[in-house]
């Protein structure tokens, strides 16, 4: 008879429990705030360089 293989992923799944609603809401709000900050940082850092390059390229053609 074949030896039964232990699956650690099934053990992880068995240990999952529901998160309290208050904690779940706090975590989701924190994630939303972090995403907003990352989007704002992206808007003001990466795109500024591209906009300035396009501006100077356009001014140089006149």
Protein backbone atom coordinates (compact mmCIF):
# COMPACT_ATOMS: atom_id res chain seq x y z
CA UNK A 1 0.00 0.00 0.00
CA UNK A 2 1.25 3.50 -0.83
CA UNK A 3 2.47 5.74 1.94
CA UNK A 4 0.14 8.69 2.61
CA UNK A 5 1.80 11.99 1.68
CA UNK A 6 1.42 14.90 4.11
CA UNK A 7 0.13 18.05 2.40
CA UNK A 8 1.09 21.24 4.34
CA UNK A 9 -1.31 23.36 2.29
CA UNK A 10 -4.31 21.40 3.57
CA UNK A 11 -3.08 22.03 7.11
CA UNK A 12 -2.92 25.77 6.41
CA UNK A 13 -6.43 25.74 4.99
CA UNK A 14 -7.75 23.92 8.05
CA UNK A 15 -6.34 26.60 10.36
CA UNK A 16 -8.14 29.52 8.64
CA UNK A 17 -10.69 31.42 10.71
CA UNK A 18 -12.99 34.35 9.97
CA UNK A 19 -11.60 37.80 10.74
CA UNK A 20 -13.61 40.11 13.04
CA UNK A 21 -15.60 42.65 10.95
CA UNK A 22 -13.99 45.67 12.66
CA UNK A 23 -10.48 44.47 11.90
CA UNK A 24 -11.40 43.60 8.32
CA UNK A 25 -12.81 47.10 7.78
CA UNK A 26 -9.68 48.73 9.28
CA UNK A 27 -7.35 46.69 7.08
CA UNK A 28 -9.36 47.49 3.94
CA UNK A 29 -9.32 51.21 4.82
CA UNK A 30 -5.55 51.09 5.38
CA UNK A 31 -5.06 49.38 2.02
CA UNK A 32 -7.23 51.99 0.29
CA UNK A 33 -5.24 54.82 1.90
CA UNK A 34 -1.93 53.22 0.90
CA UNK A 35 -3.16 52.79 -2.68
CA UNK A 36 -4.24 56.43 -2.80
CA UNK A 37 -0.84 57.57 -1.54
CA UNK A 38 0.94 55.38 -4.11
CA UNK A 39 -1.25 56.75 -6.92
CA UNK A 40 -0.61 60.34 -5.83
CA UNK A 41 3.14 59.71 -5.60
CA UNK A 42 3.08 58.18 -9.06
CA UNK A 43 1.19 61.15 -10.43
CA UNK A 44 3.64 63.71 -9.04
CA UNK A 45 6.90 61.85 -9.53
CA UNK A 46 6.92 59.69 -12.64
CA UNK A 47 4.63 61.76 -14.84
CA UNK A 48 6.28 65.11 -14.10
CA UNK A 49 9.49 64.05 -15.82
CA UNK A 50 7.62 62.82 -18.85
CA UNK A 51 5.54 66.03 -19.04
CA UNK A 52 8.64 68.23 -18.79
CA UNK A 53 10.42 66.25 -21.52
CA UNK A 54 7.41 66.66 -23.81
CA UNK A 55 7.19 70.36 -22.96
CA UNK A 56 10.84 71.05 -23.81
CA UNK A 57 10.64 68.88 -26.91
CA UNK A 58 7.64 70.90 -28.11
CA UNK A 59 9.31 74.25 -27.28
CA UNK A 60 12.47 73.21 -29.12
CA UNK A 61 10.54 72.55 -32.34
CA UNK A 62 9.20 76.13 -32.61
